[in-house]
Amino acid sequence: MAQAQRRNHQRRPQSTPSPDEDDCHIQLLLSDVNDKSSLQVYTAQVSDAFLDKLARPRLPPPSQASVLIRHTETSYEPLSSFQERLLQATFPRGQERKRGRDAGVDDAGDDAVEGDYVPSAGPAKKSRTPNRITNTSR
């Protein structure tokens, strides 16, 4: 997905460079037909150097080639706050969400670090565990 995003980005003209133009931001939402209680949200930040490593595997990799993968399980309930919680999981605090060509907005999110538990908004079912965030760097 990051490679396709990079190709599309290189094809279209830009009026102003992005502050983090060296990174591709990918979001993946995964639902399971057997799990009616939650949605899996994966976000990834793929460095331009890592994409270069994939494009040219015979060259030595740059020292700053990295991929940061973040996973959040988001409960569907309570439905009234699902949209807000989904936006928080997809666009964490400090990550800019693009609107239009050059516009952006910072969405409120969480400051969670690897292994932190993020409680769901609203009343939680007693049998449910809180949302868990996992960061993986490679």
C-alpha atoms as a PDB file:
ATOM      1  CA  MET A   1       0.000   0.000   0.000  1.00  0.00           C
ATOM      2  CA  ALA A   2       2.833   2.383   0.838  1.00  0.00           C
ATOM      3  CA  GLN A   3       4.540   1.721  -2.482  1.00  0.00           C
ATOM      4  CA  ALA A   4       1.311   2.476  -4.387  1.00  0.00           C
ATOM      5  CA  GLN A   5       0.782   5.627  -2.316  1.00  0.00           C
ATOM      6  CA  ARG A   6       4.329   6.729  -3.092  1.00  0.00           C
ATOM      7  CA  ARG A   7       3.849   6.185  -6.856  1.00  0.00           C
ATOM      8  CA  ASN A   8       0.587   8.158  -6.840  1.00  0.00           C
ATOM      9  CA  HIS A   9       2.201  10.937  -4.821  1.00  0.00           C
ATOM     10  CA  GLN A  10       5.095  11.200  -7.290  1.00  0.00           C
ATOM     11  CA  ARG A  11       2.713  11.435 -10.282  1.00  0.00           C
ATOM     12  CA  ARG A  12       0.661  14.392  -9.083  1.00  0.00           C
ATOM     13  CA  PRO A  13       2.013  17.938  -8.844  1.00  0.00           C
ATOM     14  CA  GLN A  14       2.378  19.447  -5.388  1.00  0.00           C
ATOM     15  CA  SER A  15       2.007  23.109  -4.567  1.00  0.00           C
ATOM     16  CA  THR A  16       3.744  22.853  -1.188  1.00  0.00           C
ATOM     17  CA  PRO A  17       5.788  19.990   0.235  1.00  0.00           C
ATOM     18  CA  SER A  18       4.387  18.095   3.187  1.00  0.00           C
ATOM     19  CA  PRO A  19       6.272  18.534   6.487  1.00  0.00           C
ATOM     20  CA  ASP A  20       6.803  14.783   6.681  1.00  0.00           C
ATOM     21  CA  GLU A  21       7.043  14.055   2.956  1.00  0.00           C
ATOM     22  CA  ASP A  22       9.567  11.301   3.650  1.00  0.00           C
ATOM     23  CA  ASP A  23       6.891   9.116   5.263  1.00  0.00           C
ATOM     24  CA  CYS A  24       3.843   7.313   3.921  1.00  0.00           C
ATOM     25  CA  HIS A  25       0.930   6.931   6.318  1.00  0.00           C
ATOM     26  CA  ILE A  26      -1.271   3.887   5.789  1.00  0.00           C
ATOM     27  CA  GLN A  27      -4.539   2.969   7.526  1.00  0.00           C
ATOM     28  CA  LEU A  28      -6.160  -0.463   7.351  1.00  0.00           C
ATOM     29  CA  LEU A  29      -9.509  -1.353   8.911  1.00  0.00           C
ATOM     30  CA  LEU A  30     -10.171  -5.049   9.442  1.00  0.00           C
ATOM     31  CA  SER A  31     -13.492  -6.499  10.468  1.00  0.00           C
ATOM     32  CA  ASP A  32     -14.129 -10.157  11.198  1.00  0.00           C
ATOM     33  CA  VAL A  33     -17.496 -11.670  10.348  1.00  0.00           C
ATOM     34  CA  ASN A  34     -17.158 -13.853  13.468  1.00  0.00           C
ATOM     35  CA  ASP A  35     -16.338 -10.911  15.771  1.00  0.00           C
ATOM     36  CA  LYS A  36     -19.362  -8.630  16.075  1.00  0.00           C
ATOM     37  CA  SER A  37     -17.893  -6.686  19.003  1.00  0.00           C
ATOM     38  CA  SER A  38     -14.831  -4.883  17.633  1.00  0.00           C
ATOM     39  CA  LEU A  39     -12.944  -3.566  14.626  1.00  0.00           C
ATOM     40  CA  GLN A  40      -9.175  -3.927  14.194  1.00  0.00           C
ATOM     41  CA  VAL A  41      -7.421  -0.704  13.127  1.00  0.00           C
ATOM     42  CA  TYR A  42      -3.868  -0.867  11.811  1.00  0.00           C
ATOM     43  CA  THR A  43      -1.903   2.278  11.036  1.00  0.00           C
ATOM     44  CA  ALA A  44       1.594   2.296   9.615  1.00  0.00           C
ATOM     45  CA  GLN A  45       4.222   4.940   9.094  1.00  0.00           C
ATOM     46  CA  VAL A  46       6.638   3.789   6.392  1.00  0.00           C
ATOM     47  CA  SER A  47       9.783   5.830   5.842  1.00  0.00           C
ATOM     48  CA  ASP A  48      10.859   6.808   2.351  1.00  0.00           C
ATOM     49  CA  ALA A  49      14.195   5.090   3.056  1.00  0.00           C
ATOM     50  CA  PHE A  50      12.367   1.809   3.760  1.00  0.00           C
ATOM     51  CA  LEU A  51      10.495   2.097   0.442  1.00  0.00           C
ATOM     52  CA  ASP A  52      13.842   2.712  -1.296  1.00  0.00           C
ATOM     53  CA  LYS A  53      15.106  -0.491   0.326  1.00  0.00           C
ATOM     54  CA  LEU A  54      12.181  -2.420  -1.205  1.00  0.00           C
ATOM     55  CA  ALA A  55      12.597  -0.766  -4.607  1.00  0.00           C
ATOM     56  CA  ARG A  56      16.347  -1.466  -4.730  1.00  0.00           C
ATOM     57  CA  PRO A  57      17.011  -4.624  -2.678  1.00  0.00           C
ATOM     58  CA  ARG A  58      20.584  -5.074  -3.967  1.00  0.00           C
ATOM     59  CA  LEU A  59      21.786  -1.790  -2.470  1.00  0.00           C
ATOM     60  CA  PRO A  60      22.715  -1.548   1.220  1.00  0.00           C
ATOM     61  CA  PRO A  61      19.753  -0.225   3.223  1.00  0.00           C
ATOM     62  CA  PRO A  62      19.900   3.315   4.579  1.00  0.00           C
ATOM     63  CA  SER A  63      20.388   3.536   8.330  1.00  0.00           C
ATOM     64  CA  GLN A  64      17.049   5.303   8.804  1.00  0.00           C
ATOM     65  CA  ALA A  65      14.871   2.728   7.006  1.00  0.00           C
ATOM     66  CA  SER A  66      11.959   2.115   9.361  1.00  0.00           C
ATOM     67  CA  VAL A  67       8.353   0.985   9.608  1.00  0.00           C
ATOM     68  CA  LEU A  68       6.165   1.793  12.597  1.00  0.00           C
ATOM     69  CA  ILE A  69       3.007  -0.320  12.841  1.00  0.00           C
ATOM     70  CA  ARG A  70       0.305   0.499  15.359  1.00  0.00           C
ATOM     71  CA  HIS A  71      -2.657  -1.768  16.131  1.00  0.00           C
ATOM     72  CA  THR A  72      -5.779  -0.707  18.008  1.00  0.00           C
ATOM     73  CA  GLU A  73      -8.850  -2.794  18.722  1.00  0.00           C
ATOM     74  CA  THR A  74     -11.901  -0.519  18.678  1.00  0.00           C
ATOM     75  CA  SER A  75     -15.163  -1.711  20.187  1.00  0.00           C
ATOM     76  CA  TYR A  76     -18.340  -1.038  18.212  1.00  0.00           C
ATOM     77  CA  GLU A  77     -20.204  -0.304  21.462  1.00  0.00           C
ATOM     78  CA  PRO A  78     -21.280   2.236  22.483  1.00  0.00           C
ATOM     79  CA  LEU A  79     -22.347   3.033  18.956  1.00  0.00           C
ATOM     80  CA  SER A  80     -22.934   6.718  19.770  1.00  0.00           C
ATOM     81  CA  SER A  81     -19.168   7.323  20.203  1.00  0.00           C
ATOM     82  CA  PHE A  82     -17.874   4.782  17.659  1.00  0.00           C
ATOM     83  CA  GLN A  83     -17.109   7.384  14.969  1.00  0.00           C
ATOM     84  CA  GLU A  84     -15.054   9.504  17.376  1.00  0.00           C
ATOM     85  CA  ARG A  85     -13.122   6.477  18.699  1.00  0.00           C
ATOM     86  CA  LEU A  86     -12.487   5.240  15.161  1.00  0.00           C
ATOM     87  CA  LEU A  87     -11.049   8.640  14.170  1.00  0.00           C
ATOM     88  CA  GLN A  88      -8.851   8.600  17.278  1.00  0.00           C
ATOM     89  CA  ALA A  89      -7.531   5.148  16.386  1.00  0.00           C
ATOM     90  CA  THR A  90      -6.983   6.036  12.726  1.00  0.00           C
ATOM     91  CA  PHE A  91      -5.458   9.485  13.224  1.00  0.00           C
ATOM     92  CA  PRO A  92      -3.617   9.573  16.571  1.00  0.00           C
ATOM     93  CA  ARG A  93      -2.897  12.903  18.249  1.00  0.00           C
ATOM     94  CA  GLY A  94      -0.094  14.711  16.483  1.00  0.00           C
ATOM     95  CA  GLN A  95      -0.650  12.973  13.139  1.00  0.00           C
ATOM     96  CA  GLU A  96      -2.058  15.249  10.479  1.00  0.00           C
ATOM     97  CA  ARG A  97      -5.086  14.088   8.520  1.00  0.00           C
ATOM     98  CA  LYS A  98      -5.135  15.408   4.942  1.00  0.00           C
ATOM     99  CA  ARG A  99      -8.276  17.146   3.699  1.00  0.00           C
ATOM    100  CA  GLY A 100      -8.005  18.253   0.122  1.00  0.00           C
ATOM    101  CA  ARG A 101      -4.635  18.843  -1.459  1.00  0.00           C
ATOM    102  CA  ASP A 102      -2.798  20.882   1.188  1.00  0.00           C
ATOM    103  CA  ALA A 103      -5.210  21.244   4.099  1.00  0.00           C
ATOM    104  CA  GLY A 104      -4.791  19.273   7.300  1.00  0.00           C
ATOM    105  CA  VAL A 105      -6.285  18.937  10.730  1.00  0.00           C
ATOM    106  CA  ASP A 106      -4.948  17.406  13.904  1.00  0.00           C
ATOM    107  CA  ASP A 107      -7.518  15.056  15.403  1.00  0.00           C
ATOM    108  CA  ALA A 108      -7.689  14.451  19.116  1.00  0.00           C
ATOM    109  CA  GLY A 109      -6.391  11.003  19.942  1.00  0.00           C
ATOM    110  CA  ASP A 110      -4.368   9.312  22.575  1.00  0.00           C
ATOM    111  CA  ASP A 111      -0.853   9.584  23.931  1.00  0.00           C
ATOM    112  CA  ALA A 112      -0.572   5.847  24.417  1.00  0.00           C
ATOM    113  CA  VAL A 113       2.755   4.126  24.100  1.00  0.00           C
ATOM    114  CA  GLU A 114       3.466   0.487  23.396  1.00  0.00           C
ATOM    115  CA  GLY A 115       1.505  -1.811  25.649  1.00  0.00           C
ATOM    116  CA  ASP A 116      -0.728   0.933  27.094  1.00  0.00           C
ATOM    117  CA  TYR A 117      -4.376   0.166  27.645  1.00  0.00           C
ATOM    118  CA  VAL A 118      -6.801   2.665  26.168  1.00  0.00           C
ATOM    119  CA  PRO A 119     -10.281   2.495  27.692  1.00  0.00           C
ATOM    120  CA  SER A 120     -13.315   2.624  25.436  1.00  0.00           C
ATOM    121  CA  ALA A 121     -15.529   5.679  25.648  1.00  0.00           C
ATOM    122  CA  GLY A 122     -18.738   5.102  27.573  1.00  0.00           C
ATOM    123  CA  PRO A 123     -19.699   2.182  29.767  1.00  0.00           C
ATOM    124  CA  ALA A 124     -17.733  -0.981  29.155  1.00  0.00           C
ATOM    125  CA  LYS A 125     -19.149  -4.456  29.353  1.00  0.00           C
ATOM    126  CA  LYS A 126     -17.724  -6.361  32.299  1.00  0.00           C
ATOM    127  CA  SER A 127     -16.541  -9.202  30.081  1.00  0.00           C
ATOM    128  CA  ARG A 128     -14.748  -6.892  27.634  1.00  0.00           C
ATOM    129  CA  THR A 129     -11.151  -5.844  28.002  1.00  0.00           C
ATOM    130  CA  PRO A 130     -10.089  -2.251  27.220  1.00  0.00           C
ATOM    131  CA  ASN A 131      -8.606  -1.361  23.849  1.00  0.00           C
ATOM    132  CA  ARG A 132      -4.951  -2.333  23.589  1.00  0.00           C
ATOM    133  CA  ILE A 133      -2.374  -0.469  21.523  1.00  0.00           C
ATOM    134  CA  THR A 134       0.695  -2.246  20.211  1.00  0.00           C
ATOM    135  CA  ASN A 135       3.567  -0.524  18.410  1.00  0.00           C
ATOM    136  CA  THR A 136       6.018  -2.514  16.312  1.00  0.00           C
ATOM    137  CA  SER A 137       9.151  -0.913  14.885  1.00  0.00           C
ATOM    138  CA  ARG A 138      11.278  -2.630  12.249  1.00  0.00           C
END
